[in-house]
């Protein structure tokens, strides 16, 4: 099967603890048992895209440890190509996540093997869309998006955590994806030189920013269980829709719907819906 989507980004083990509230500075708060789940912004987006039927390859790096096995197995189980995942002599990246009863989370990421990714690892094949995020070295992402432009692939980058990409890389982003806090930090997104931008607003949906207009895309009301990885589900769903030929606003509507379903279950990758589940969700709202 031809690979329509290449996802470049991080692969982590998520160490999740539920807490009644986040600790204050210097304070200890008891939490639940630790749950270890496959995660990482890149791997999450790849799994989300594959579960929706996308033909996806993942480009990343993991360690030769049990956490690396966990992440790769999850990718394979979702139907993601992993022949461009490199094993390195560093621990697999880890994300330390606390989740409060309202479903909100706080995350600290230890990059580990993700930091070993290089420009030589970048592979695009015949992809129509490259989706990338910034838990891997910035120079690698910049190299990848410029290479994507050369081969005619559409570059979608979730600029999280926030960093300033080169002008050459920014000029080919279509779109740049950020949440509202990251958007405030970056300022006027179109002034950065990107072709388009999408600002995710959590429970309020998203805003599509294009040269001609800004379009609000509301989110459906859902019972939130855990917001971990919702932004990555959004990116994966967006890549699938764009690779299928959807216009940006339609693609964002689809991505908002997928992210909204993902927050109704615990964890990141375990919460991502299949196409069948999305069909059932749409039918129940009709």
Protein backbone atom coordinates (compact mmCIF):
# COMPACT_ATOMS: atom_id res chain seq x y z
CA UNK A 1 0.00 0.00 0.00
CA UNK A 2 1.28 3.46 -0.91
CA UNK A 3 2.17 5.57 2.13
CA UNK A 4 0.00 8.69 2.01
CA UNK A 5 1.12 10.16 5.34
CA UNK A 6 4.54 10.33 6.96
CA UNK A 7 4.60 11.34 10.61
CA UNK A 8 7.90 12.64 12.00
CA UNK A 9 8.13 13.12 15.74
CA UNK A 10 8.58 11.75 19.20
CA UNK A 11 7.82 8.32 20.60
CA UNK A 12 7.52 8.12 24.39
CA UNK A 13 6.32 5.94 27.19
CA UNK A 14 3.61 7.84 29.07
CA UNK A 15 3.78 7.38 32.85
CA UNK A 16 0.33 8.49 33.98
CA UNK A 17 -0.75 9.17 37.57
CA UNK A 18 -4.21 10.37 38.58
CA UNK A 19 -4.20 13.00 41.34
CA UNK A 20 -6.90 14.86 43.22
CA UNK A 21 -5.03 18.10 42.53
CA UNK A 22 -1.65 19.22 41.30
CA UNK A 23 0.97 19.75 44.03
CA UNK A 24 2.07 23.23 44.99
CA UNK A 25 5.77 24.09 45.01
CA UNK A 26 7.54 21.89 47.55
CA UNK A 27 4.40 19.85 48.25
CA UNK A 28 3.86 16.09 47.95
CA UNK A 29 0.49 14.78 46.75
CA UNK A 30 -0.41 11.10 46.70
CA UNK A 31 -1.73 9.71 43.44
CA UNK A 32 -2.98 6.51 41.85
CA UNK A 33 -0.89 3.58 40.69
CA UNK A 34 1.30 4.50 37.73
CA UNK A 35 -0.05 3.41 34.35
CA UNK A 36 2.54 3.01 31.58
CA UNK A 37 1.13 3.63 28.10
CA UNK A 38 2.56 4.22 24.60
CA UNK A 39 2.74 7.90 23.73
CA UNK A 40 4.77 10.76 22.27
CA UNK A 41 3.32 13.50 20.07
CA UNK A 42 4.59 11.89 16.88
CA UNK A 43 3.67 8.30 17.65
CA UNK A 44 0.28 9.45 18.94
CA UNK A 45 -0.50 11.31 15.71
CA UNK A 46 0.62 8.30 13.65
CA UNK A 47 -1.62 5.90 15.59
CA UNK A 48 -4.57 8.31 15.40
CA UNK A 49 -4.16 8.62 11.63
CA UNK A 50 -3.82 4.87 11.08
CA UNK A 51 -6.90 4.06 13.16
CA UNK A 52 -8.88 6.34 10.89
CA UNK A 53 -7.75 4.35 7.87
CA UNK A 54 -4.73 6.40 6.83
CA UNK A 55 -1.74 4.69 5.18
CA UNK A 56 0.91 5.91 7.62
CA UNK A 57 4.66 5.57 8.16
CA UNK A 58 6.35 6.81 11.31
CA UNK A 59 9.85 8.31 11.39
CA UNK A 60 11.37 8.45 14.87
CA UNK A 61 13.84 6.97 17.35
CA UNK A 62 13.41 4.76 20.40
CA UNK A 63 15.76 2.98 22.77
CA UNK A 64 16.49 -0.72 22.89
CA UNK A 65 14.49 -1.04 26.10
CA UNK A 66 11.08 -2.33 27.15
CA UNK A 67 9.52 1.09 26.64
CA UNK A 68 10.79 1.11 23.07
CA UNK A 69 9.19 -2.28 22.53
CA UNK A 70 5.92 -0.94 23.97
CA UNK A 71 5.85 2.04 21.62
CA UNK A 72 6.79 0.11 18.48
CA UNK A 73 4.25 -2.64 19.25
CA UNK A 74 1.48 -0.06 19.58
CA UNK A 75 2.41 1.48 16.22
CA UNK A 76 2.45 -1.92 14.53
CA UNK A 77 -0.87 -2.92 16.12
CA UNK A 78 -2.45 0.26 14.70
CA UNK A 79 -1.14 -0.54 11.21
CA UNK A 80 1.67 2.04 11.08
CA UNK A 81 4.84 1.29 9.08
CA UNK A 82 7.82 1.22 11.46
CA UNK A 83 10.72 0.41 9.12
CA UNK A 84 11.93 4.00 9.56
CA UNK A 85 11.97 3.87 13.37
CA UNK A 86 15.60 3.73 14.51
CA UNK A 87 16.77 2.02 17.70
CA UNK A 88 19.47 4.03 19.51
CA UNK A 89 21.67 3.60 22.58
CA UNK A 90 19.59 5.91 24.78
CA UNK A 91 16.48 5.30 26.86
CA UNK A 92 13.17 5.66 25.08
CA UNK A 93 11.63 9.08 25.70
CA UNK A 94 9.28 9.37 28.65
CA UNK A 95 6.40 11.68 29.56
CA UNK A 96 5.44 12.09 33.21
CA UNK A 97 1.75 12.96 33.27
CA UNK A 98 -0.58 13.93 36.11
CA UNK A 99 -4.31 13.90 35.42
CA UNK A 100 -6.84 15.69 37.66
CA UNK A 101 -10.53 14.73 38.07
CA UNK A 102 -11.60 17.32 35.48
CA UNK A 103 -9.56 15.47 32.85
CA UNK A 104 -6.88 18.14 32.55
CA UNK A 105 -3.23 17.13 32.56
CA UNK A 106 0.26 18.45 33.30
CA UNK A 107 3.20 16.88 31.46
CA UNK A 108 6.99 16.82 31.80
CA UNK A 109 8.82 15.18 28.88
CA UNK A 110 12.27 13.57 29.03
CA UNK A 111 13.26 13.32 25.32
CA UNK A 112 15.76 10.44 25.60
CA UNK A 113 16.11 8.69 22.25
CA UNK A 114 14.01 11.35 20.50
CA UNK A 115 16.95 13.73 20.79
CA UNK A 116 19.08 11.34 18.71
CA UNK A 117 16.95 11.79 15.59
CA UNK A 118 18.93 13.32 12.69
CA UNK A 119 18.25 14.70 9.23
CA UNK A 120 19.57 11.42 7.80
CA UNK A 121 16.58 9.66 9.39
CA UNK A 122 14.08 11.71 7.37
CA UNK A 123 12.18 9.64 4.80
CA UNK A 124 9.20 10.82 2.78
CA UNK A 125 8.62 8.18 0.13
CA UNK A 126 5.56 9.10 -1.93
CA UNK A 127 3.73 10.80 0.93
CA UNK A 128 1.08 13.41 0.18
CA UNK A 129 1.25 14.84 3.72
CA UNK A 130 4.10 15.20 6.22
CA UNK A 131 2.91 15.72 9.80
CA UNK A 132 5.56 16.74 12.34
CA UNK A 133 5.86 18.05 15.89
CA UNK A 134 8.65 19.53 17.99
CA UNK A 135 9.59 16.99 20.67
CA UNK A 136 12.47 16.06 18.35
CA UNK A 137 15.42 18.28 17.27
CA UNK A 138 14.20 21.45 15.57
CA UNK A 139 16.78 21.20 12.78
CA UNK A 140 15.41 17.79 11.79
CA UNK A 141 11.86 19.13 11.50
CA UNK A 142 13.07 22.11 9.47
CA UNK A 143 14.96 19.79 7.13
CA UNK A 144 11.92 17.54 6.74
CA UNK A 145 9.40 20.26 5.89
CA UNK A 146 11.69 21.83 3.29
CA UNK A 147 12.27 18.37 1.79
CA UNK A 148 8.49 17.80 1.77
CA UNK A 149 8.00 20.93 -0.29
CA UNK A 150 10.54 19.69 -2.83
CA UNK A 151 8.72 16.38 -3.36
CA UNK A 152 5.24 17.91 -3.39
CA UNK A 153 4.08 16.78 0.05
CA UNK A 154 1.98 19.11 2.19
CA UNK A 155 3.74 20.05 5.44
CA UNK A 156 1.64 20.15 8.63
CA UNK A 157 3.57 21.01 11.80
CA UNK A 158 2.27 21.15 15.34
CA UNK A 159 4.57 23.76 16.86
CA UNK A 160 4.52 22.26 20.32
CA UNK A 161 6.49 22.85 22.41
CA UNK A 162 6.81 26.36 20.99
CA UNK A 163 9.96 27.14 19.01
CA UNK A 164 10.86 29.52 16.21
CA UNK A 165 11.36 27.68 12.93
CA UNK A 166 13.51 29.09 10.15
CA UNK A 167 11.85 31.41 7.63
CA UNK A 168 12.39 28.79 4.91
CA UNK A 169 10.55 26.15 6.92
CA UNK A 170 7.73 28.46 8.01
CA UNK A 171 7.06 29.47 4.42
CA UNK A 172 5.91 25.97 3.45
CA UNK A 173 3.70 25.15 6.45
CA UNK A 174 0.10 24.56 5.38
CA UNK A 175 -0.96 24.67 8.15
CA UNK A 176 1.01 25.51 11.26
CA UNK A 177 -0.95 24.04 14.20
CA UNK A 178 -0.85 25.52 17.71
CA UNK A 179 -3.08 25.73 20.75
CA UNK A 180 -4.34 29.10 21.95
CA UNK A 181 -1.53 29.55 24.50
CA UNK A 182 1.14 28.78 21.92
CA UNK A 183 -0.57 31.16 19.49
CA UNK A 184 -0.36 33.97 22.05
CA UNK A 185 3.36 33.30 22.44
CA UNK A 186 4.01 33.31 18.68
CA UNK A 187 1.91 36.39 17.89
CA UNK A 188 0.44 37.06 14.43
CA UNK A 189 0.70 33.63 12.85
CA UNK A 190 0.34 34.66 9.22
CA UNK A 191 2.98 37.34 9.79
CA UNK A 192 5.41 34.48 10.46
CA UNK A 193 5.15 33.65 6.78
CA UNK A 194 3.10 30.42 6.95
CA UNK A 195 0.54 29.60 4.28
CA UNK A 196 -2.17 28.89 6.84
CA UNK A 197 -2.60 28.25 10.54
CA UNK A 198 -4.94 26.37 12.86
CA UNK A 199 -5.45 27.37 16.49
CA UNK A 200 -6.93 24.63 18.65
CA UNK A 201 -9.19 25.82 21.48
CA UNK A 202 -9.85 22.68 23.48
CA UNK A 203 -13.55 22.26 24.26
CA UNK A 204 -14.35 25.30 22.10
CA UNK A 205 -13.05 23.71 18.90
CA UNK A 206 -10.58 25.46 16.60
CA UNK A 207 -10.01 28.47 14.37
CA UNK A 208 -8.69 28.16 10.82
CA UNK A 209 -6.62 31.20 9.81
CA UNK A 210 -6.12 31.76 6.09
CA UNK A 211 -5.15 34.84 4.09
CA UNK A 212 -8.72 35.54 3.06
CA UNK A 213 -10.55 34.68 6.28
CA UNK A 214 -10.64 33.17 9.74
CA UNK A 215 -13.18 30.38 10.26
CA UNK A 216 -14.39 29.14 13.64
CA UNK A 217 -15.01 25.39 13.95
CA UNK A 218 -16.96 24.56 17.13
CA UNK A 219 -16.54 21.30 19.01
CA UNK A 220 -19.42 19.06 20.11
CA UNK A 221 -20.15 18.86 23.83
CA UNK A 222 -18.80 15.66 25.38
CA UNK A 223 -18.17 14.21 28.82
CA UNK A 224 -14.43 14.73 29.32
CA UNK A 225 -12.48 11.91 30.96
CA UNK A 226 -8.86 12.66 29.96
CA UNK A 227 -7.50 15.28 27.57
CA UNK A 228 -4.06 13.63 27.25
CA UNK A 229 -3.09 13.36 23.59
CA UNK A 230 -6.17 15.10 22.22
CA UNK A 231 -4.03 17.55 20.27
CA UNK A 232 -2.15 14.65 18.69
CA UNK A 233 -5.42 12.97 17.72
CA UNK A 234 -6.34 16.28 16.09
CA UNK A 235 -3.08 16.36 14.10
CA UNK A 236 -3.42 12.76 12.96
CA UNK A 237 -7.02 13.23 11.85
CA UNK A 238 -6.12 16.47 10.09
CA UNK A 239 -3.37 14.70 8.14
CA UNK A 240 -5.75 11.94 7.04
CA UNK A 241 -8.37 14.40 5.81
CA UNK A 242 -5.83 16.53 3.94
CA UNK A 243 -4.21 13.48 2.36
CA UNK A 244 -7.68 12.48 1.18
CA UNK A 245 -8.10 15.80 -0.62
CA UNK A 246 -10.27 17.73 1.85
CA UNK A 247 -10.00 21.51 2.00
CA UNK A 248 -8.50 22.90 5.21
CA UNK A 249 -11.74 23.95 6.92
CA UNK A 250 -13.38 20.58 6.21
CA UNK A 251 -10.26 18.79 7.43
CA UNK A 252 -10.31 20.79 10.67
CA UNK A 253 -13.98 19.96 11.22
CA UNK A 254 -13.05 16.30 10.96
CA UNK A 255 -10.07 16.73 13.28
CA UNK A 256 -12.18 18.51 15.91
CA UNK A 257 -14.70 15.68 15.86
CA UNK A 258 -11.97 13.05 16.31
CA UNK A 259 -10.26 14.94 19.13
CA UNK A 260 -13.62 15.37 20.87
CA UNK A 261 -14.22 11.62 20.84
CA UNK A 262 -10.69 10.96 22.11
CA UNK A 263 -11.19 12.91 25.34
CA UNK A 264 -14.08 10.66 26.38
CA UNK A 265 -11.68 7.82 27.27
CA UNK A 266 -8.48 7.52 29.32
CA UNK A 267 -4.96 7.71 27.93
CA UNK A 268 -3.66 8.99 24.62
CA UNK A 269 -3.34 6.20 22.04
CA UNK A 270 -5.85 3.89 23.80
CA UNK A 271 -8.49 6.61 23.46
CA UNK A 272 -8.12 7.18 19.71
CA UNK A 273 -11.20 6.20 17.70
CA UNK A 274 -11.40 3.99 14.66
CA UNK A 275 -13.36 5.09 11.60
CA UNK A 276 -16.15 2.76 12.70
CA UNK A 277 -16.35 4.44 16.09
CA UNK A 278 -16.46 7.86 14.45
CA UNK A 279 -19.33 6.70 12.25
CA UNK A 280 -21.25 5.50 15.31
CA UNK A 281 -20.56 8.79 17.09
CA UNK A 282 -21.85 10.78 14.12
CA UNK A 283 -24.98 8.61 13.94
CA UNK A 284 -25.74 9.12 17.63
CA UNK A 285 -25.58 12.90 17.20
CA UNK A 286 -27.76 12.92 14.09
